[in-house]
Amino acid sequence: MAAFFVVGFCLTFLLLESDIYIEVVGFLAVFTEAMLGTPQFYRNFQNRSTMGMSVKMVGCWMMGDTFKTGYFILREAPVQFWVCGLMQVSIDLAILFQVWLYKGNVPHRQL
């Protein structure tokens, strides 16, 4: 973690005037946040179950992501913000679809 911080700090300090570097770092930040739901989606897919997952939590994610994306679009934020916001909402909807698809399924235990 410390090495990541030091390398990131040094690169940012050296490339602070580079628009391309700043745009790449900004995109990676919003893209990383947009992908936060994918491990849950993948786990549900592997287990063919959503047992143990909080549907209320995913619903709250979706509400927040929807409002945030709407804000980005209405305020004409840079395209990477609203594209990643739409990706977040899509992942949230996919997880909620899994709740319906796998209802009643018992998770498969891996040995």
Protein backbone atom coordinates (compact mmCIF):
# COMPACT_ATOMS: atom_id res chain seq x y z
CA MET A 1 0.00 0.00 0.00
CA ALA A 2 2.83 2.36 0.87
CA ALA A 3 4.63 1.58 -2.40
CA PHE A 4 1.43 2.30 -4.36
CA PHE A 5 1.08 5.62 -2.56
CA VAL A 6 4.72 6.63 -3.14
CA VAL A 7 4.66 5.69 -6.84
CA GLY A 8 1.31 7.43 -7.34
CA PHE A 9 2.50 10.53 -5.50
CA CYS A 10 5.74 10.75 -7.48
CA LEU A 11 4.01 10.20 -10.84
CA THR A 12 1.37 12.78 -10.04
CA PHE A 13 3.96 15.30 -8.87
CA LEU A 14 6.03 14.81 -12.02
CA LEU A 15 3.09 14.73 -14.45
CA LEU A 16 0.78 17.27 -12.83
CA GLU A 17 0.90 19.46 -15.94
CA SER A 18 0.00 16.58 -18.28
CA ASP A 19 -3.68 16.71 -19.22
CA ILE A 20 -3.54 13.13 -20.52
CA TYR A 21 -2.15 11.81 -17.21
CA ILE A 22 -4.77 13.68 -15.17
CA GLU A 23 -7.60 12.40 -17.42
CA VAL A 24 -6.32 8.81 -17.18
CA VAL A 25 -6.08 8.97 -13.37
CA GLY A 26 -9.56 10.51 -13.17
CA PHE A 27 -11.03 7.85 -15.45
CA LEU A 28 -9.37 5.04 -13.50
CA ALA A 29 -10.84 6.45 -10.29
CA VAL A 30 -14.44 6.58 -11.55
CA PHE A 31 -14.07 3.26 -13.40
CA THR A 32 -12.80 1.53 -10.25
CA GLU A 33 -15.79 2.86 -8.31
CA ALA A 34 -18.14 1.79 -11.10
CA MET A 35 -16.88 -1.80 -10.84
CA LEU A 36 -17.47 -2.17 -7.08
CA GLY A 37 -20.58 -4.33 -7.57
CA THR A 38 -19.00 -6.81 -9.97
CA PRO A 39 -17.48 -9.11 -7.31
CA GLN A 40 -20.96 -9.52 -5.78
CA PHE A 41 -22.47 -10.17 -9.20
CA TYR A 42 -19.79 -12.78 -9.97
CA ARG A 43 -20.18 -14.48 -6.60
CA ASN A 44 -23.95 -14.70 -7.08
CA PHE A 45 -23.37 -16.13 -10.56
CA GLN A 46 -20.92 -18.76 -9.28
CA ASN A 47 -23.21 -19.83 -6.43
CA ARG A 48 -26.42 -19.51 -8.46
CA SER A 49 -27.78 -17.88 -5.32
CA THR A 50 -28.06 -14.49 -3.64
CA MET A 51 -28.48 -15.96 -0.17
CA GLY A 52 -26.69 -13.88 2.45
CA MET A 53 -26.67 -10.77 0.29
CA SER A 54 -28.55 -7.70 1.45
CA VAL A 55 -31.13 -6.73 -1.17
CA LYS A 56 -31.75 -3.49 0.72
CA MET A 57 -28.07 -2.62 0.39
CA VAL A 58 -28.16 -3.16 -3.37
CA GLY A 59 -31.36 -1.10 -3.55
CA CYS A 60 -29.61 1.74 -1.73
CA TRP A 61 -26.65 1.43 -4.09
CA MET A 62 -29.01 1.69 -7.03
CA MET A 63 -30.81 4.74 -5.67
CA GLY A 64 -27.53 6.51 -4.96
CA ASP A 65 -26.02 5.55 -8.31
CA THR A 66 -29.16 6.65 -10.15
CA PHE A 67 -29.29 10.05 -8.45
CA LYS A 68 -25.54 10.52 -8.92
CA THR A 69 -25.72 9.62 -12.63
CA GLY A 70 -28.69 11.92 -13.15
CA TYR A 71 -26.74 14.71 -11.50
CA PHE A 72 -23.74 14.07 -13.76
CA ILE A 73 -25.91 14.13 -16.87
CA LEU A 74 -27.88 17.24 -15.88
CA ARG A 75 -24.72 19.13 -14.88
CA GLU A 76 -23.00 18.08 -18.10
CA ALA A 77 -20.09 16.49 -16.25
CA PRO A 78 -17.29 15.00 -18.36
CA VAL A 79 -18.42 11.94 -20.28
CA GLN A 80 -16.45 9.45 -18.15
CA PHE A 81 -18.56 10.36 -15.11
CA TRP A 82 -21.93 9.61 -16.62
CA VAL A 83 -20.71 6.57 -18.59
CA CYS A 84 -19.33 5.03 -15.40
CA GLY A 85 -22.49 6.05 -13.54
CA LEU A 86 -24.63 4.25 -16.12
CA MET A 87 -22.34 1.23 -15.74
CA GLN A 88 -22.91 1.27 -11.96
CA VAL A 89 -26.69 1.42 -12.38
CA SER A 90 -26.51 -1.44 -14.91
CA ILE A 91 -24.53 -3.62 -12.50
CA ASP A 92 -27.01 -2.81 -9.70
CA LEU A 93 -29.92 -3.82 -11.95
CA ALA A 94 -28.10 -7.02 -12.94
CA ILE A 95 -27.64 -7.95 -9.27
CA LEU A 96 -31.32 -7.26 -8.56
CA PHE A 97 -32.19 -9.42 -11.57
CA GLN A 98 -30.12 -12.19 -10.00
CA VAL A 99 -32.22 -11.89 -6.83
CA TRP A 100 -35.30 -12.67 -8.91
CA LEU A 101 -33.56 -15.31 -11.06
CA TYR A 102 -32.04 -17.27 -8.17
CA LYS A 103 -34.89 -16.92 -5.67
CA GLY A 104 -35.19 -20.11 -3.67
CA ASN A 105 -31.81 -21.47 -4.80
CA VAL A 106 -29.50 -22.77 -2.09
CA PRO A 107 -25.85 -21.80 -2.65
CA HIS A 108 -23.44 -24.49 -3.83
CA ARG A 109 -20.61 -25.00 -1.37
CA GLN A 110 -17.14 -25.18 -2.83
CA LEU A 111 -14.73 -27.62 -1.23
